[in-house]
Amino acid sequence: MNSKINLDIELDVNRIPKNIEWSAPDGGVEKSSTDAFMLSVWDSETKDTLRIDLWTKNMMVDDMKKFYHQTLLAMADGFKRATNEDEMSEDMRDFAKYFAEKLKLIG
C-alpha cells in the first residue's frame, strides 16, 4: 500500500513561488491552494534534517508570523507524542507563547 502527498509549485519568471497547491488524496485533500509550507525530512545516514520552506508572494508578513507560531505549537505537540518528554514539550510551548507575545500575536 502506498500513500502520496503532492505539491505543485507555479513559479514566476524569477523562480519565485506564485501559486502552491497540495493534494493528499488519502486525507481528502485535492489541489488545495496554500501560500506557504514547510517540509522537514530526516536523513538517517547523515543524521541530519533536510528542509524546504516555500511561500508565495501573496503571503503577508503578519500571516507568516502566525504560521511560525502555530508551527512551533505543532512541533511541541509532535515532540510530546514522539518522545513522551512532557517537560521539554511544555518548555517548547512556553517559547511559542513568548514568541507570540513578542510579536504581539496574543495579548
PDB file of N, CA and C in Angstrom:
ATOM      1  N   MET A   1       0.846  -1.175   0.000  1.00  0.00           N
ATOM      2  CA  MET A   1       0.000   0.000   0.000  1.00  0.00           C
ATOM      3  C   MET A   1       0.893   1.241   0.000  1.00  0.00           C
ATOM      4  N   ASN A   2       0.513   2.219  -0.769  1.00  0.00           N
ATOM      5  CA  ASN A   2       1.230   3.495  -0.834  1.00  0.00           C
ATOM      6  C   ASN A   2       0.268   4.636  -0.591  1.00  0.00           C
ATOM      7  N   SER A   3       0.810   5.722  -0.087  1.00  0.00           N
ATOM      8  CA  SER A   3       0.055   6.946   0.098  1.00  0.00           C
ATOM      9  C   SER A   3       0.923   8.078  -0.434  1.00  0.00           C
ATOM     10  N   LYS A   4       0.306   9.073  -1.073  1.00  0.00           N
ATOM     11  CA  LYS A   4       1.077  10.165  -1.655  1.00  0.00           C
ATOM     12  C   LYS A   4       0.577  11.509  -1.181  1.00  0.00           C
ATOM     13  N   ILE A   5       1.526  12.410  -1.042  1.00  0.00           N
ATOM     14  CA  ILE A   5       1.251  13.826  -0.824  1.00  0.00           C
ATOM     15  C   ILE A   5       1.974  14.544  -1.952  1.00  0.00           C
ATOM     16  N   ASN A   6       1.242  15.364  -2.703  1.00  0.00           N
ATOM     17  CA  ASN A   6       1.812  16.054  -3.855  1.00  0.00           C
ATOM     18  C   ASN A   6       1.798  17.555  -3.651  1.00  0.00           C
ATOM     19  N   LEU A   7       2.851  18.196  -4.119  1.00  0.00           N
ATOM     20  CA  LEU A   7       2.958  19.647  -4.112  1.00  0.00           C
ATOM     21  C   LEU A   7       3.191  20.113  -5.539  1.00  0.00           C
ATOM     22  N   ASP A   8       2.418  21.081  -5.973  1.00  0.00           N
ATOM     23  CA  ASP A   8       2.605  21.705  -7.279  1.00  0.00           C
ATOM     24  C   ASP A   8       2.908  23.175  -7.035  1.00  0.00           C
ATOM     25  N   ILE A   9       4.082  23.601  -7.486  1.00  0.00           N
ATOM     26  CA  ILE A   9       4.507  24.978  -7.269  1.00  0.00           C
ATOM     27  C   ILE A   9       4.642  25.666  -8.613  1.00  0.00           C
ATOM     28  N   GLU A  10       3.844  26.707  -8.817  1.00  0.00           N
ATOM     29  CA  GLU A  10       3.932  27.526 -10.023  1.00  0.00           C
ATOM     30  C   GLU A  10       4.878  28.685  -9.718  1.00  0.00           C
ATOM     31  N   LEU A  11       5.883  28.881 -10.568  1.00  0.00           N
ATOM     32  CA  LEU A  11       6.891  29.913 -10.355  1.00  0.00           C
ATOM     33  C   LEU A  11       6.696  31.070 -11.326  1.00  0.00           C
ATOM     34  N   ASP A  12       7.113  32.270 -10.895  1.00  0.00           N
ATOM     35  CA  ASP A  12       7.113  33.401 -11.815  1.00  0.00           C
ATOM     36  C   ASP A  12       8.413  33.374 -12.623  1.00  0.00           C
ATOM     37  N   VAL A  13       8.652  34.387 -13.442  1.00  0.00           N
ATOM     38  CA  VAL A  13       9.844  34.404 -14.299  1.00  0.00           C
ATOM     39  C   VAL A  13      11.140  34.439 -13.496  1.00  0.00           C
ATOM     40  N   ASN A  14      11.082  34.906 -12.243  1.00  0.00           N
ATOM     41  CA  ASN A  14      12.256  34.952 -11.362  1.00  0.00           C
ATOM     42  C   ASN A  14      12.360  33.723 -10.469  1.00  0.00           C
ATOM     43  N   ARG A  15      11.540  32.711 -10.741  1.00  0.00           N
ATOM     44  CA  ARG A  15      11.517  31.448  -9.990  1.00  0.00           C
ATOM     45  C   ARG A  15      11.047  31.640  -8.539  1.00  0.00           C
ATOM     46  N   ILE A  16      10.220  32.647  -8.309  1.00  0.00           N
ATOM     47  CA  ILE A  16       9.584  32.892  -7.009  1.00  0.00           C
ATOM     48  C   ILE A  16       8.226  32.199  -7.040  1.00  0.00           C
ATOM     49  N   PRO A  17       7.892  31.444  -5.981  1.00  0.00           N
ATOM     50  CA  PRO A  17       6.577  30.783  -5.983  1.00  0.00           C
ATOM     51  C   PRO A  17       5.433  31.781  -6.143  1.00  0.00           C
ATOM     52  N   LYS A  18       4.609  31.506  -7.128  1.00  0.00           N
ATOM     53  CA  LYS A  18       3.455  32.344  -7.434  1.00  0.00           C
ATOM     54  C   LYS A  18       2.181  31.692  -6.911  1.00  0.00           C
ATOM     55  N   ASN A  19       2.141  30.373  -6.992  1.00  0.00           N
ATOM     56  CA  ASN A  19       0.975  29.620  -6.533  1.00  0.00           C
ATOM     57  C   ASN A  19       1.453  28.261  -6.042  1.00  0.00           C
ATOM     58  N   ILE A  20       0.902  27.814  -4.917  1.00  0.00           N
ATOM     59  CA  ILE A  20       1.230  26.496  -4.379  1.00  0.00           C
ATOM     60  C   ILE A  20      -0.077  25.743  -4.160  1.00  0.00           C
ATOM     61  N   GLU A  21      -0.133  24.530  -4.705  1.00  0.00           N
ATOM     62  CA  GLU A  21      -1.272  23.647  -4.463  1.00  0.00           C
ATOM     63  C   GLU A  21      -0.748  22.336  -3.919  1.00  0.00           C
ATOM     64  N   TRP A  22      -1.514  21.745  -3.015  1.00  0.00           N
ATOM     65  CA  TRP A  22      -1.126  20.452  -2.456  1.00  0.00           C
ATOM     66  C   TRP A  22      -2.314  19.513  -2.472  1.00  0.00           C
ATOM     67  N   SER A  23      -1.981  18.237  -2.570  1.00  0.00           N
ATOM     68  CA  SER A  23      -3.006  17.190  -2.565  1.00  0.00           C
ATOM     69  C   SER A  23      -2.547  16.064  -1.644  1.00  0.00           C
ATOM     70  N   ALA A  24      -3.485  15.529  -0.907  1.00  0.00           N
ATOM     71  CA  ALA A  24      -3.276  14.347  -0.071  1.00  0.00           C
ATOM     72  C   ALA A  24      -4.550  13.517  -0.183  1.00  0.00           C
ATOM     73  N   PRO A  25      -4.660  12.735  -1.258  1.00  0.00           N
ATOM     74  CA  PRO A  25      -5.910  12.014  -1.533  1.00  0.00           C
ATOM     75  C   PRO A  25      -6.415  11.159  -0.371  1.00  0.00           C
ATOM     76  N   ASP A  26      -5.503  10.514   0.364  1.00  0.00           N
ATOM     77  CA  ASP A  26      -5.946   9.693   1.499  1.00  0.00           C
ATOM     78  C   ASP A  26      -6.559  10.537   2.612  1.00  0.00           C
ATOM     79  N   GLY A  27      -6.200  11.822   2.663  1.00  0.00           N
ATOM     80  CA  GLY A  27      -6.757  12.736   3.663  1.00  0.00           C
ATOM     81  C   GLY A  27      -7.910  13.562   3.131  1.00  0.00           C
ATOM     82  N   GLY A  28      -8.307  13.293   1.883  1.00  0.00           N
ATOM     83  CA  GLY A  28      -9.435  14.019   1.304  1.00  0.00           C
ATOM     84  C   GLY A  28      -9.079  15.392   0.775  1.00  0.00           C
ATOM     85  N   VAL A  29      -7.790  15.657   0.533  1.00  0.00           N
ATOM     86  CA  VAL A  29      -7.358  16.967   0.031  1.00  0.00           C
ATOM     87  C   VAL A  29      -6.963  16.829  -1.432  1.00  0.00           C
ATOM     88  N   GLU A  30      -7.609  17.613  -2.289  1.00  0.00           N
ATOM     89  CA  GLU A  30      -7.297  17.611  -3.719  1.00  0.00           C
ATOM     90  C   GLU A  30      -7.054  19.041  -4.193  1.00  0.00           C
ATOM     91  N   LYS A  31      -5.849  19.296  -4.635  1.00  0.00           N
ATOM     92  CA  LYS A  31      -5.476  20.592  -5.217  1.00  0.00           C
ATOM     93  C   LYS A  31      -5.940  21.763  -4.359  1.00  0.00           C
ATOM     94  N   SER A  32      -5.562  21.748  -3.110  1.00  0.00           N
ATOM     95  CA  SER A  32      -5.890  22.832  -2.197  1.00  0.00           C
ATOM     96  C   SER A  32      -4.801  23.905  -2.288  1.00  0.00           C
ATOM     97  N   SER A  33      -5.209  25.132  -2.430  1.00  0.00           N
ATOM     98  CA  SER A  33      -4.279  26.244  -2.560  1.00  0.00           C
ATOM     99  C   SER A  33      -3.748  26.651  -1.184  1.00  0.00           C
ATOM    100  N   THR A  34      -2.473  27.011  -1.144  1.00  0.00           N
ATOM    101  CA  THR A  34      -1.863  27.485   0.092  1.00  0.00           C
ATOM    102  C   THR A  34      -0.824  28.549  -0.243  1.00  0.00           C
ATOM    103  N   ASP A  35      -0.502  29.394   0.713  1.00  0.00           N
ATOM    104  CA  ASP A  35       0.508  30.425   0.495  1.00  0.00           C
ATOM    105  C   ASP A  35       1.863  30.070   1.085  1.00  0.00           C
ATOM    106  N   ALA A  36       1.941  29.001   1.877  1.00  0.00           N
ATOM    107  CA  ALA A  36       3.235  28.633   2.462  1.00  0.00           C
ATOM    108  C   ALA A  36       3.223  27.180   2.908  1.00  0.00           C
ATOM    109  N   PHE A  37       4.408  26.568   2.908  1.00  0.00           N
ATOM    110  CA  PHE A  37       4.563  25.249   3.503  1.00  0.00           C
ATOM    111  C   PHE A  37       5.991  25.067   3.970  1.00  0.00           C
ATOM    112  N   MET A  38       6.146  24.177   4.942  1.00  0.00           N
ATOM    113  CA  MET A  38       7.447  23.768   5.449  1.00  0.00           C
ATOM    114  C   MET A  38       7.488  22.249   5.399  1.00  0.00           C
ATOM    115  N   LEU A  39       8.601  21.727   4.941  1.00  0.00           N
ATOM    116  CA  LEU A  39       8.770  20.284   4.883  1.00  0.00           C
ATOM    117  C   LEU A  39      10.127  19.952   5.479  1.00  0.00           C
ATOM    118  N   SER A  40      10.144  19.060   6.447  1.00  0.00           N
ATOM    119  CA  SER A  40      11.386  18.578   7.044  1.00  0.00           C
ATOM    120  C   SER A  40      11.430  17.073   6.907  1.00  0.00           C
ATOM    121  N   VAL A  41      12.561  16.562   6.461  1.00  0.00           N
ATOM    122  CA  VAL A  41      12.745  15.118   6.378  1.00  0.00           C
ATOM    123  C   VAL A  41      14.057  14.752   7.060  1.00  0.00           C
ATOM    124  N   TRP A  42      14.087  13.578   7.661  1.00  0.00           N
ATOM    125  CA  TRP A  42      15.254  13.096   8.401  1.00  0.00           C
ATOM    126  C   TRP A  42      16.078  12.181   7.506  1.00  0.00           C
ATOM    127  N   ASP A  43      17.354  12.507   7.354  1.00  0.00           N
ATOM    128  CA  ASP A  43      18.290  11.655   6.623  1.00  0.00           C
ATOM    129  C   ASP A  43      18.989  10.775   7.645  1.00  0.00           C
ATOM    130  N   SER A  44      18.608   9.511   7.693  1.00  0.00           N
ATOM    131  CA  SER A  44      19.145   8.615   8.726  1.00  0.00           C
ATOM    132  C   SER A  44      20.625   8.280   8.506  1.00  0.00           C
ATOM    133  N   GLU A  45      21.117   8.416   7.280  1.00  0.00           N
ATOM    134  CA  GLU A  45      22.534   8.149   7.036  1.00  0.00           C
ATOM    135  C   GLU A  45      23.422   9.262   7.568  1.00  0.00           C
ATOM    136  N   THR A  46      23.045  10.508   7.284  1.00  0.00           N
ATOM    137  CA  THR A  46      23.867  11.647   7.716  1.00  0.00           C
ATOM    138  C   THR A  46      23.455  12.181   9.083  1.00  0.00           C
ATOM    139  N   LYS A  47      22.314  11.673   9.601  1.00  0.00           N
ATOM    140  CA  LYS A  47      21.768  12.149  10.886  1.00  0.00           C
ATOM    141  C   LYS A  47      21.533  13.659  10.831  1.00  0.00           C
ATOM    142  N   ASP A  48      20.874  14.070   9.748  1.00  0.00           N
ATOM    143  CA  ASP A  48      20.652  15.492   9.523  1.00  0.00           C
ATOM    144  C   ASP A  48      19.236  15.712   8.996  1.00  0.00           C
ATOM    145  N   THR A  49      18.714  16.888   9.247  1.00  0.00           N
ATOM    146  CA  THR A  49      17.401  17.274   8.764  1.00  0.00           C
ATOM    147  C   THR A  49      17.551  18.058   7.467  1.00  0.00           C
ATOM    148  N   LEU A  50      16.779  17.666   6.471  1.00  0.00           N
ATOM    149  CA  LEU A  50      16.730  18.383   5.206  1.00  0.00           C
ATOM    150  C   LEU A  50      15.403  19.132   5.173  1.00  0.00           C
ATOM    151  N   ARG A  51      15.433  20.373   4.687  1.00  0.00           N
ATOM    152  CA  ARG A  51      14.234  21.212   4.778  1.00  0.00           C
ATOM    153  C   ARG A  51      13.938  21.934   3.481  1.00  0.00           C
ATOM    154  N   ILE A  52      12.676  22.161   3.276  1.00  0.00           N
ATOM    155  CA  ILE A  52      12.200  23.039   2.210  1.00  0.00           C
ATOM    156  C   ILE A  52      11.168  23.966   2.837  1.00  0.00           C
ATOM    157  N   ASP A  53      11.395  25.252   2.754  1.00  0.00           N
ATOM    158  CA  ASP A  53      10.436  26.264   3.190  1.00  0.00           C
ATOM    159  C   ASP A  53      10.119  27.129   1.973  1.00  0.00           C
ATOM    160  N   LEU A  54       8.868  27.172   1.594  1.00  0.00           N
ATOM    161  CA  LEU A  54       8.454  27.996   0.455  1.00  0.00           C
ATOM    162  C   LEU A  54       7.218  28.796   0.815  1.00  0.00           C
ATOM    163  N   TRP A  55       7.135  29.981   0.245  1.00  0.00           N
ATOM    164  CA  TRP A  55       5.933  30.785   0.394  1.00  0.00           C
ATOM    165  C   TRP A  55       5.757  31.623  -0.856  1.00  0.00           C
ATOM    166  N   THR A  56       4.517  31.966  -1.125  1.00  0.00           N
ATOM    167  CA  THR A  56       4.202  32.755  -2.313  1.00  0.00           C
ATOM    168  C   THR A  56       4.406  34.240  -2.024  1.00  0.00           C
ATOM    169  N   LYS A  57       4.393  35.007  -3.109  1.00  0.00           N
ATOM    170  CA  LYS A  57       4.488  36.463  -2.985  1.00  0.00           C
ATOM    171  C   LYS A  57       3.288  37.024  -2.228  1.00  0.00           C
ATOM    172  N   ASN A  58       2.197  36.276  -2.214  1.00  0.00           N
ATOM    173  CA  ASN A  58       0.963  36.739  -1.571  1.00  0.00           C
ATOM    174  C   ASN A  58       0.960  36.543  -0.062  1.00  0.00           C
ATOM    175  N   MET A  59       1.919  35.788   0.474  1.00  0.00           N
ATOM    176  CA  MET A  59       1.949  35.525   1.918  1.00  0.00           C
ATOM    177  C   MET A  59       2.291  36.815   2.648  1.00  0.00           C
ATOM    178  N   MET A  60       1.363  37.266   3.469  1.00  0.00           N
ATOM    179  CA  MET A  60       1.557  38.505   4.219  1.00  0.00           C
ATOM    180  C   MET A  60       2.475  38.242   5.417  1.00  0.00           C
ATOM    181  N   VAL A  61       3.247  39.242   5.805  1.00  0.00           N
ATOM    182  CA  VAL A  61       4.194  39.093   6.914  1.00  0.00           C
ATOM    183  C   VAL A  61       3.460  38.716   8.201  1.00  0.00           C
ATOM    184  N   ASP A  62       2.334  39.350   8.486  1.00  0.00           N
ATOM    185  CA  ASP A  62       1.586  39.015   9.709  1.00  0.00           C
ATOM    186  C   ASP A  62       1.098  37.563   9.687  1.00  0.00           C
ATOM    187  N   ASP A  63       0.699  37.089   8.513  1.00  0.00           N
ATOM    188  CA  ASP A  63       0.285  35.694   8.395  1.00  0.00           C
ATOM    189  C   ASP A  63       1.479  34.760   8.585  1.00  0.00           C
ATOM    190  N   MET A  64       2.658  35.173   8.096  1.00  0.00           N
ATOM    191  CA  MET A  64       3.862  34.355   8.265  1.00  0.00           C
ATOM    192  C   MET A  64       4.209  34.229   9.746  1.00  0.00           C
ATOM    193  N   LYS A  65       4.053  35.293  10.502  1.00  0.00           N
ATOM    194  CA  LYS A  65       4.314  35.244  11.948  1.00  0.00           C
ATOM    195  C   LYS A  65       3.376  34.251  12.629  1.00  0.00           C
ATOM    196  N   LYS A  66       2.101  34.288  12.248  1.00  0.00           N
ATOM    197  CA  LYS A  66       1.124  33.344  12.811  1.00  0.00           C
ATOM    198  C   LYS A  66       1.453  31.911  12.395  1.00  0.00           C
ATOM    199  N   PHE A  67       1.867  31.745  11.150  1.00  0.00           N
ATOM    200  CA  PHE A  67       2.230  30.427  10.630  1.00  0.00           C
ATOM    201  C   PHE A  67       3.380  29.840  11.445  1.00  0.00           C
ATOM    202  N   TYR A  68       4.400  30.642  11.719  1.00  0.00           N
ATOM    203  CA  TYR A  68       5.522  30.154  12.519  1.00  0.00           C
ATOM    204  C   TYR A  68       5.089  29.855  13.949  1.00  0.00           C
ATOM    205  N   HIS A  69       4.249  30.707  14.531  1.00  0.00           N
ATOM    206  CA  HIS A  69       3.768  30.473  15.893  1.00  0.00           C
ATOM    207  C   HIS A  69       3.010  29.144  15.971  1.00  0.00           C
ATOM    208  N   GLN A  70       2.089  28.935  15.040  1.00  0.00           N
ATOM    209  CA  GLN A  70       1.312  27.706  15.055  1.00  0.00           C
ATOM    210  C   GLN A  70       2.190  26.487  14.775  1.00  0.00           C
ATOM    211  N   THR A  71       3.229  26.671  13.954  1.00  0.00           N
ATOM    212  CA  THR A  71       4.164  25.573  13.678  1.00  0.00           C
ATOM    213  C   THR A  71       4.957  25.218  14.934  1.00  0.00           C
ATOM    214  N   LEU A  72       5.370  26.222  15.700  1.00  0.00           N
ATOM    215  CA  LEU A  72       6.071  25.957  16.961  1.00  0.00           C
ATOM    216  C   LEU A  72       5.194  25.136  17.903  1.00  0.00           C
ATOM    217  N   LEU A  73       3.913  25.496  18.007  1.00  0.00           N
ATOM    218  CA  LEU A  73       2.992  24.744  18.863  1.00  0.00           C
ATOM    219  C   LEU A  73       2.805  23.315  18.349  1.00  0.00           C
ATOM    220  N   ALA A  74       2.689  23.164  17.040  1.00  0.00           N
ATOM    221  CA  ALA A  74       2.536  21.826  16.459  1.00  0.00           C
ATOM    222  C   ALA A  74       3.788  20.988  16.703  1.00  0.00           C
ATOM    223  N   MET A  75       4.964  21.612  16.636  1.00  0.00           N
ATOM    224  CA  MET A  75       6.205  20.887  16.905  1.00  0.00           C
ATOM    225  C   MET A  75       6.247  20.414  18.355  1.00  0.00           C
ATOM    226  N   ALA A  76       5.773  21.239  19.272  1.00  0.00           N
ATOM    227  CA  ALA A  76       5.734  20.837  20.682  1.00  0.00           C
ATOM    228  C   ALA A  76       4.819  19.631  20.856  1.00  0.00           C
ATOM    229  N   ASP A  77       3.664  19.654  20.202  1.00  0.00           N
ATOM    230  CA  ASP A  77       2.733  18.522  20.277  1.00  0.00           C
ATOM    231  C   ASP A  77       3.351  17.259  19.679  1.00  0.00           C
ATOM    232  N   GLY A  78       3.966  17.401  18.507  1.00  0.00           N
ATOM    233  CA  GLY A  78       4.588  16.255  17.857  1.00  0.00           C
ATOM    234  C   GLY A  78       5.746  15.699  18.667  1.00  0.00           C
ATOM    235  N   PHE A  79       6.542  16.596  19.254  1.00  0.00           N
ATOM    236  CA  PHE A  79       7.667  16.166  20.090  1.00  0.00           C
ATOM    237  C   PHE A  79       7.165  15.361  21.283  1.00  0.00           C
ATOM    238  N   LYS A  80       6.069  15.815  21.887  1.00  0.00           N
ATOM    239  CA  LYS A  80       5.474  15.102  23.026  1.00  0.00           C
ATOM    240  C   LYS A  80       5.025  13.704  22.611  1.00  0.00           C
ATOM    241  N   ARG A  81       4.321  13.618  21.485  1.00  0.00           N
ATOM    242  CA  ARG A  81       3.835  12.315  21.014  1.00  0.00           C
ATOM    243  C   ARG A  81       4.995  11.379  20.665  1.00  0.00           C
ATOM    244  N   ALA A  82       6.062  11.930  20.071  1.00  0.00           N
ATOM    245  CA  ALA A  82       7.178  11.102  19.598  1.00  0.00           C
ATOM    246  C   ALA A  82       8.114  10.659  20.713  1.00  0.00           C
ATOM    247  N   THR A  83       8.255  11.494  21.765  1.00  0.00           N
ATOM    248  CA  THR A  83       9.276  11.216  22.782  1.00  0.00           C
ATOM    249  C   THR A  83       8.723  11.018  24.184  1.00  0.00           C
ATOM    250  N   ASN A  84       7.483  11.449  24.407  1.00  0.00           N
ATOM    251  CA  ASN A  84       6.874  11.418  25.732  1.00  0.00           C
ATOM    252  C   ASN A  84       7.617  12.313  26.730  1.00  0.00           C
ATOM    253  N   GLU A  85       8.295  13.324  26.226  1.00  0.00           N
ATOM    254  CA  GLU A  85       9.040  14.290  27.048  1.00  0.00           C
ATOM    255  C   GLU A  85       8.108  15.442  27.438  1.00  0.00           C
ATOM    256  N   ASP A  86       7.400  15.281  28.550  1.00  0.00           N
ATOM    257  CA  ASP A  86       6.436  16.298  28.984  1.00  0.00           C
ATOM    258  C   ASP A  86       7.086  17.644  29.276  1.00  0.00           C
ATOM    259  N   GLU A  87       8.152  17.634  30.038  1.00  0.00           N
ATOM    260  CA  GLU A  87       8.769  18.892  30.475  1.00  0.00           C
ATOM    261  C   GLU A  87       9.303  19.700  29.292  1.00  0.00           C
ATOM    262  N   MET A  88      10.013  19.053  28.385  1.00  0.00           N
ATOM    263  CA  MET A  88      10.548  19.775  27.239  1.00  0.00           C
ATOM    264  C   MET A  88       9.441  20.245  26.314  1.00  0.00           C
ATOM    265  N   SER A  89       8.389  19.458  26.186  1.00  0.00           N
ATOM    266  CA  SER A  89       7.244  19.873  25.372  1.00  0.00           C
ATOM    267  C   SER A  89       6.620  21.147  25.941  1.00  0.00           C
ATOM    268  N   GLU A  90       6.501  21.207  27.250  1.00  0.00           N
ATOM    269  CA  GLU A  90       5.972  22.415  27.893  1.00  0.00           C
ATOM    270  C   GLU A  90       6.916  23.597  27.705  1.00  0.00           C
ATOM    271  N   ASP A  91       8.220  23.342  27.771  1.00  0.00           N
ATOM    272  CA  ASP A  91       9.196  24.413  27.512  1.00  0.00           C
ATOM    273  C   ASP A  91       9.040  24.952  26.091  1.00  0.00           C
ATOM    274  N   MET A  92       8.804  24.060  25.158  1.00  0.00           N
ATOM    275  CA  MET A  92       8.594  24.481  23.776  1.00  0.00           C
ATOM    276  C   MET A  92       7.322  25.323  23.657  1.00  0.00           C
ATOM    277  N   ARG A  93       6.266  24.922  24.350  1.00  0.00           N
ATOM    278  CA  ARG A  93       5.017  25.706  24.344  1.00  0.00           C
ATOM    279  C   ARG A  93       5.240  27.069  25.002  1.00  0.00           C
ATOM    280  N   ASP A  94       6.042  27.095  26.077  1.00  0.00           N
ATOM    281  CA  ASP A  94       6.363  28.374  26.722  1.00  0.00           C
ATOM    282  C   ASP A  94       7.091  29.295  25.754  1.00  0.00           C
ATOM    283  N   PHE A  95       8.036  28.733  24.985  1.00  0.00           N
ATOM    284  CA  PHE A  95       8.733  29.561  24.000  1.00  0.00           C
ATOM    285  C   PHE A  95       7.762  30.068  22.941  1.00  0.00           C
ATOM    286  N   ALA A  96       6.838  29.211  22.497  1.00  0.00           N
ATOM    287  CA  ALA A  96       5.853  29.629  21.495  1.00  0.00           C
ATOM    288  C   ALA A  96       4.996  30.776  22.045  1.00  0.00           C
ATOM    289  N   LYS A  97       4.664  30.715  23.330  1.00  0.00           N
ATOM    290  CA  LYS A  97       3.897  31.795  23.948  1.00  0.00           C
ATOM    291  C   LYS A  97       4.727  33.076  23.981  1.00  0.00           C
ATOM    292  N   TYR A  98       5.991  32.972  24.368  1.00  0.00           N
ATOM    293  CA  TYR A  98       6.908  34.115  24.376  1.00  0.00           C
ATOM    294  C   TYR A  98       7.016  34.712  22.968  1.00  0.00           C
ATOM    295  N   PHE A  99       7.187  33.857  21.971  1.00  0.00           N
ATOM    296  CA  PHE A  99       7.280  34.257  20.573  1.00  0.00           C
ATOM    297  C   PHE A  99       6.040  35.082  20.186  1.00  0.00           C
ATOM    298  N   ALA A 100       4.858  34.560  20.528  1.00  0.00           N
ATOM    299  CA  ALA A 100       3.605  35.232  20.191  1.00  0.00           C
ATOM    300  C   ALA A 100       3.449  36.558  20.926  1.00  0.00           C
ATOM    301  N   GLU A 101       3.860  36.593  22.172  1.00  0.00           N
ATOM    302  CA  GLU A 101       3.776  37.841  22.940  1.00  0.00           C
ATOM    303  C   GLU A 101       4.707  38.909  22.352  1.00  0.00           C
ATOM    304  N   LYS A 102       5.952  38.511  22.041  1.00  0.00           N
ATOM    305  CA  LYS A 102       6.915  39.472  21.484  1.00  0.00           C
ATOM    306  C   LYS A 102       6.454  40.030  20.144  1.00  0.00           C
ATOM    307  N   LEU A 103       5.771  39.205  19.356  1.00  0.00           N
ATOM    308  CA  LEU A 103       5.278  39.650  18.051  1.00  0.00           C
ATOM    309  C   LEU A 103       3.868  40.228  18.139  1.00  0.00           C
ATOM    310  N   LYS A 104       3.355  40.324  19.373  1.00  0.00           N
ATOM    311  CA  LYS A 104       2.021  40.875  19.615  1.00  0.00           C
ATOM    312  C   LYS A 104       0.919  40.098  18.861  1.00  0.00           C
ATOM    313  N   LEU A 105       1.105  38.771  18.826  1.00  0.00           N
ATOM    314  CA  LEU A 105       0.085  37.920  18.228  1.00  0.00           C
ATOM    315  C   LEU A 105      -1.013  37.599  19.240  1.00  0.00           C
ATOM    316  N   ILE A 106      -0.640  37.653  20.540  1.00  0.00           N
ATOM    317  CA  ILE A 106      -1.603  37.452  21.625  1.00  0.00           C
ATOM    318  C   ILE A 106      -1.390  38.545  22.660  1.00  0.00           C
ATOM    319  N   GLY A 107      -2.420  38.829  23.422  1.00  0.00           N
ATOM    320  CA  GLY A 107      -2.334  39.907  24.420  1.00  0.00           C
ATOM    321  C   GLY A 107      -1.706  39.516  25.712  1.00  0.00           C
TER     322      GLY A 107
END
